[in-house]
Amino acid sequence: MNAVCFSSRILCRALLASDAAQPKRRVLLELYTNLVLFCKEQHFNREQTSVLISIIKTVHQFNTETPLNNTDHCMTYCSELLLCHSVRRPPFSTDLFSSEQVTQILFYFINTYMRHYFLYKCIFTPEVQLDISLSYIGILENTNVEETSQSVQKEVRDEVMCLTSQLQQRLQDSADQLNDAISKLETNIKVKK
């Protein structure tokens, strides 16, 4: 318990120096505290723990750079970074992690970070606002203004409903793709064991 408190205090100080808002700091604190606990369970040394925290931090920053779904890219990026630290090819890579450790790290990453991918995306990605401006060509000047206004409002309402439906479908498709990708990765990891 003391190690957890100590790790949390160190991480909290590091996060207080960051420019993240208070709720974001708490989420990051939990992410990194759990990561340190994982490292402790795996008996990683200080260098391994430090590198793994840096890898997860880099992947997290990569994830939140865009509001678009980049799950495949995040997994690929994490795998590439781990590969750079599991094969000895100076000066480009070093063998800090064994292949068994890389498998355990990927399994942990999938079951923690990727399972909460959309949560991290929602919390840390800047909100994107859609600004729509409409102009109608061909509306006669001598038509009734009230009828025209109601007609325009109906068309706008119909178009917004259509866009909303399309957006919801895309979000559902993205969620389905993420779940499929996680299932495939879990299956691959289990097969390798």
Protein backbone atom coordinates (compact mmCIF):
# COMPACT_ATOMS: atom_id res chain seq x y z
CA MET A 1 0.00 0.00 0.00
CA ASN A 2 2.88 2.38 0.75
CA ALA A 3 4.34 1.82 -2.71
CA VAL A 4 0.98 2.72 -4.26
CA CYS A 5 0.71 5.92 -2.20
CA PHE A 6 4.31 6.83 -2.97
CA SER A 7 3.83 6.19 -6.70
CA SER A 8 0.59 8.15 -6.69
CA ARG A 9 2.25 11.10 -4.96
CA ILE A 10 5.13 11.17 -7.45
CA LEU A 11 2.77 10.88 -10.41
CA CYS A 12 0.47 13.51 -8.93
CA ARG A 13 3.37 15.97 -8.65
CA ALA A 14 4.35 15.30 -12.24
CA LEU A 15 0.76 15.79 -13.39
CA LEU A 16 0.37 19.00 -11.38
CA ALA A 17 3.19 20.44 -13.45
CA SER A 18 1.21 19.66 -16.60
CA ASP A 19 -1.38 21.96 -18.12
CA ALA A 20 -4.19 19.38 -17.93
CA ALA A 21 -7.43 20.39 -16.21
CA GLN A 22 -8.27 18.81 -12.84
CA PRO A 23 -10.61 16.02 -14.13
CA LYS A 24 -8.08 15.14 -16.82
CA ARG A 25 -5.31 14.97 -14.22
CA ARG A 26 -7.32 12.49 -12.18
CA VAL A 27 -7.85 10.26 -15.21
CA LEU A 28 -4.15 10.41 -16.09
CA LEU A 29 -3.21 9.74 -12.47
CA GLU A 30 -5.33 6.59 -12.46
CA LEU A 31 -3.93 5.49 -15.84
CA TYR A 32 -0.31 5.90 -14.74
CA THR A 33 -0.82 4.56 -11.22
CA ASN A 34 -2.35 1.38 -12.62
CA LEU A 35 0.52 1.17 -15.09
CA VAL A 36 3.08 1.44 -12.27
CA LEU A 37 1.23 -1.28 -10.36
CA PHE A 38 1.34 -3.49 -13.46
CA CYS A 39 5.08 -2.90 -13.75
CA LYS A 40 5.52 -3.80 -10.10
CA GLU A 41 3.52 -7.03 -10.56
CA GLN A 42 5.69 -7.95 -13.54
CA HIS A 43 8.87 -7.18 -11.54
CA PHE A 44 10.04 -4.63 -14.12
CA ASN A 45 13.12 -2.65 -13.16
CA ARG A 46 13.18 1.16 -13.09
CA GLU A 47 14.31 1.50 -16.70
CA GLN A 48 11.57 -0.81 -17.96
CA THR A 49 8.95 1.00 -15.90
CA SER A 50 10.10 4.40 -17.10
CA VAL A 51 10.16 3.33 -20.74
CA LEU A 52 6.73 1.71 -20.52
CA ILE A 53 5.23 4.85 -18.98
CA SER A 54 6.79 6.89 -21.78
CA ILE A 55 5.41 4.52 -24.41
CA ILE A 56 1.88 4.67 -23.01
CA LYS A 57 2.14 8.46 -22.68
CA THR A 58 3.27 8.76 -26.30
CA VAL A 59 0.47 6.47 -27.53
CA HIS A 60 -2.06 8.42 -25.47
CA GLN A 61 -0.87 11.71 -27.01
CA PHE A 62 -1.05 10.12 -30.46
CA ASN A 63 -4.59 8.93 -29.74
CA THR A 64 -5.85 12.32 -28.61
CA GLU A 65 -4.28 14.37 -31.40
CA THR A 66 -7.33 13.79 -33.58
CA PRO A 67 -11.05 13.42 -32.90
CA LEU A 68 -11.18 10.72 -35.57
CA ASN A 69 -11.10 7.01 -34.79
CA ASN A 70 -7.47 5.88 -34.93
CA THR A 71 -7.62 2.61 -32.98
CA ASP A 72 -5.65 0.61 -35.53
CA HIS A 73 -2.97 3.28 -35.69
CA CYS A 74 -2.71 3.39 -31.88
CA MET A 75 -2.24 -0.38 -31.68
CA THR A 76 0.31 -0.35 -34.48
CA TYR A 77 2.17 2.57 -32.92
CA CYS A 78 2.28 0.89 -29.50
CA SER A 79 3.51 -2.35 -31.08
CA GLU A 80 6.23 -0.51 -32.99
CA LEU A 81 7.42 1.31 -29.89
CA LEU A 82 7.53 -1.93 -27.92
CA LEU A 83 9.39 -3.61 -30.77
CA CYS A 84 12.01 -0.84 -30.67
CA HIS A 85 12.59 -1.72 -27.02
CA SER A 86 12.62 -5.48 -27.40
CA VAL A 87 15.18 -6.04 -30.16
CA ARG A 88 18.83 -5.11 -29.94
CA ARG A 89 19.87 -3.10 -33.00
CA PRO A 90 22.02 -0.17 -31.87
CA PRO A 91 21.56 2.75 -32.24
CA PHE A 92 17.94 2.28 -33.34
CA SER A 93 16.64 -0.10 -30.72
CA THR A 94 17.55 -1.80 -27.49
CA ASP A 95 16.48 -5.09 -25.92
CA LEU A 96 14.87 -3.78 -22.76
CA PHE A 97 11.84 -6.13 -22.84
CA SER A 98 11.75 -9.86 -23.56
CA SER A 99 9.20 -11.28 -25.98
CA GLU A 100 7.16 -12.66 -23.05
CA GLN A 101 7.14 -9.23 -21.43
CA VAL A 102 6.04 -7.61 -24.70
CA THR A 103 3.14 -10.09 -24.89
CA GLN A 104 2.15 -9.29 -21.31
CA ILE A 105 2.39 -5.54 -21.99
CA LEU A 106 0.25 -5.80 -25.13
CA PHE A 107 -2.31 -7.87 -23.27
CA TYR A 108 -2.38 -5.27 -20.49
CA PHE A 109 -2.59 -2.41 -23.02
CA ILE A 110 -5.52 -4.03 -24.82
CA ASN A 111 -7.41 -4.82 -21.63
CA THR A 112 -6.93 -1.39 -20.07
CA TYR A 113 -6.22 1.42 -22.50
CA MET A 114 -7.93 0.05 -25.59
CA ARG A 115 -10.99 -1.06 -23.64
CA HIS A 116 -11.37 2.56 -22.52
CA TYR A 117 -10.26 4.01 -25.86
CA PHE A 118 -13.44 6.05 -26.45
CA LEU A 119 -13.39 7.34 -22.87
CA TYR A 120 -9.87 8.71 -23.36
CA LYS A 121 -10.84 10.04 -26.77
CA CYS A 122 -13.89 11.82 -25.32
CA ILE A 123 -12.08 13.32 -22.33
CA PHE A 124 -8.83 14.43 -23.95
CA THR A 125 -9.77 15.30 -27.53
CA PRO A 126 -10.90 18.87 -28.15
CA GLU A 127 -14.55 19.16 -29.04
CA VAL A 128 -15.24 19.65 -32.72
CA GLN A 129 -18.16 21.87 -33.59
CA LEU A 130 -20.01 21.75 -36.85
CA ASP A 131 -21.01 25.14 -38.21
CA ILE A 132 -23.63 24.96 -40.94
CA SER A 133 -24.70 27.89 -43.03
CA LEU A 134 -27.52 27.53 -45.51
CA SER A 135 -28.43 29.61 -48.51
CA TYR A 136 -31.46 28.96 -50.66
CA ILE A 137 -31.48 29.87 -54.29
CA GLY A 138 -34.71 30.22 -56.21
CA ILE A 139 -37.07 31.36 -53.48
CA LEU A 140 -39.44 33.83 -55.05
CA GLU A 141 -39.55 37.25 -53.45
CA ASN A 142 -43.32 37.65 -53.69
CA THR A 143 -44.12 34.36 -51.90
CA ASN A 144 -45.46 34.37 -48.39
CA VAL A 145 -42.54 34.87 -45.97
CA GLU A 146 -44.14 32.78 -43.21
CA GLU A 147 -44.75 29.80 -45.52
CA THR A 148 -41.21 30.05 -46.84
CA SER A 149 -39.80 30.20 -43.31
CA GLN A 150 -41.75 27.10 -42.24
CA SER A 151 -40.67 25.26 -45.37
CA VAL A 152 -37.03 26.15 -44.79
CA GLN A 153 -37.24 25.12 -41.14
CA LYS A 154 -38.71 21.76 -42.13
CA GLU A 155 -35.95 21.18 -44.68
CA VAL A 156 -33.26 22.12 -42.15
CA ARG A 157 -34.83 19.87 -39.49
CA ASP A 158 -35.00 16.95 -41.95
CA GLU A 159 -31.38 17.48 -43.01
CA VAL A 160 -30.16 17.68 -39.39
CA MET A 161 -32.02 14.46 -38.56
CA CYS A 162 -30.41 12.77 -41.56
CA LEU A 163 -26.92 13.98 -40.52
CA THR A 164 -27.54 12.88 -36.92
CA SER A 165 -28.58 9.43 -38.09
CA GLN A 166 -25.49 9.12 -40.28
CA LEU A 167 -23.21 10.24 -37.43
CA GLN A 168 -24.77 7.75 -35.01
CA GLN A 169 -24.29 4.97 -37.56
CA ARG A 170 -20.63 5.92 -38.04
CA LEU A 171 -20.04 5.96 -34.28
CA GLN A 172 -21.66 2.53 -33.97
CA ASP A 173 -19.53 1.22 -36.85
CA SER A 174 -16.39 2.59 -35.17
CA ALA A 175 -17.31 0.95 -31.87
CA ASP A 176 -17.96 -2.36 -33.66
CA GLN A 177 -14.60 -2.14 -35.43
CA LEU A 178 -12.83 -1.44 -32.14
CA ASN A 179 -14.48 -4.42 -30.45
CA ASP A 180 -13.56 -6.65 -33.39
CA ALA A 181 -9.95 -5.43 -33.32
CA ILE A 182 -9.68 -6.03 -29.57
CA SER A 183 -11.14 -9.53 -29.94
CA LYS A 184 -8.68 -10.38 -32.72
CA LEU A 185 -5.73 -9.06 -30.74
CA GLU A 186 -6.78 -11.00 -27.65
CA THR A 187 -7.11 -14.16 -29.75
CA ASN A 188 -3.66 -13.61 -31.30
CA ILE A 189 -2.08 -13.08 -27.89
CA LYS A 190 -3.73 -16.21 -26.47
CA VAL A 191 -2.57 -18.25 -29.48
CA LYS A 192 1.04 -17.04 -29.01
CA LYS A 193 1.06 -18.14 -25.36
